[in-house]
């Protein structure tokens, strides 16, 4: 059950990075 949160955190991190990129442009 600990592997799921890790994958979710990684996905959220990617989405956050993409959102930051869009906001910077």
N, C-alpha and C. Protein backbone atom coordinates (compact mmCIF):
# COMPACT_ATOMS: atom_id res chain seq x y z
N UNK A 1 0.85 -1.21 0.00
CA UNK A 1 0.00 0.00 0.00
C UNK A 1 0.88 1.26 0.00
N UNK A 2 2.17 1.08 0.29
CA UNK A 2 3.05 2.27 0.32
C UNK A 2 3.55 2.60 -1.09
N UNK A 3 3.46 1.64 -1.98
CA UNK A 3 3.95 1.88 -3.35
C UNK A 3 2.96 2.79 -4.09
N UNK A 4 1.69 2.67 -3.77
CA UNK A 4 0.68 3.50 -4.45
C UNK A 4 0.89 4.98 -4.15
N UNK A 5 0.97 5.37 -2.89
CA UNK A 5 1.20 6.80 -2.57
C UNK A 5 2.44 7.35 -3.25
N UNK A 6 3.48 6.52 -3.34
CA UNK A 6 4.72 6.99 -3.98
C UNK A 6 4.46 7.30 -5.45
N UNK A 7 3.74 6.40 -6.12
CA UNK A 7 3.43 6.64 -7.54
C UNK A 7 2.55 7.86 -7.68
N UNK A 8 1.59 8.01 -6.79
CA UNK A 8 0.68 9.15 -6.85
C UNK A 8 1.46 10.45 -6.64
N UNK A 9 2.40 10.41 -5.67
CA UNK A 9 3.20 11.61 -5.38
C UNK A 9 4.02 11.98 -6.61
N UNK A 10 4.56 10.95 -7.29
CA UNK A 10 5.38 11.21 -8.47
C UNK A 10 4.49 11.83 -9.56
N UNK A 11 3.29 11.33 -9.71
CA UNK A 11 2.39 11.86 -10.74
C UNK A 11 2.02 13.31 -10.41
N UNK A 12 1.70 13.55 -9.15
CA UNK A 12 1.33 14.92 -8.74
C UNK A 12 2.51 15.87 -8.98
N UNK A 13 3.72 15.37 -8.71
CA UNK A 13 4.92 16.20 -8.90
C UNK A 13 5.04 16.59 -10.38
N UNK A 14 4.78 15.62 -11.26
CA UNK A 14 4.86 15.89 -12.70
C UNK A 14 3.81 16.90 -13.12
N UNK A 15 2.61 16.73 -12.60
CA UNK A 15 1.52 17.65 -12.96
C UNK A 15 1.83 19.05 -12.45
N UNK A 16 2.41 19.09 -11.26
CA UNK A 16 2.74 20.39 -10.67
C UNK A 16 3.80 21.09 -11.52
N UNK A 17 4.77 20.32 -11.97
CA UNK A 17 5.85 20.88 -12.79
C UNK A 17 5.27 21.41 -14.10
N UNK A 18 4.35 20.67 -14.68
CA UNK A 18 3.74 21.09 -15.95
C UNK A 18 2.93 22.36 -15.72
N UNK A 19 2.23 22.42 -14.61
CA UNK A 19 1.41 23.61 -14.30
C UNK A 19 2.33 24.82 -14.13
N UNK A 20 3.45 24.61 -13.43
CA UNK A 20 4.41 25.71 -13.23
C UNK A 20 4.93 26.21 -14.57
N UNK A 21 5.22 25.26 -15.46
CA UNK A 21 5.76 25.63 -16.78
C UNK A 21 4.72 26.47 -17.54
N UNK A 22 3.47 26.03 -17.46
CA UNK A 22 2.42 26.76 -18.19
C UNK A 22 2.25 28.16 -17.61
N UNK A 23 2.36 28.26 -16.29
CA UNK A 23 2.19 29.57 -15.66
C UNK A 23 3.37 30.49 -15.97
N UNK A 24 4.52 29.88 -16.18
CA UNK A 24 5.72 30.71 -16.45
C UNK A 24 5.68 31.26 -17.87
N UNK A 25 5.06 30.53 -18.76
CA UNK A 25 5.04 30.97 -20.17
C UNK A 25 4.07 32.12 -20.37
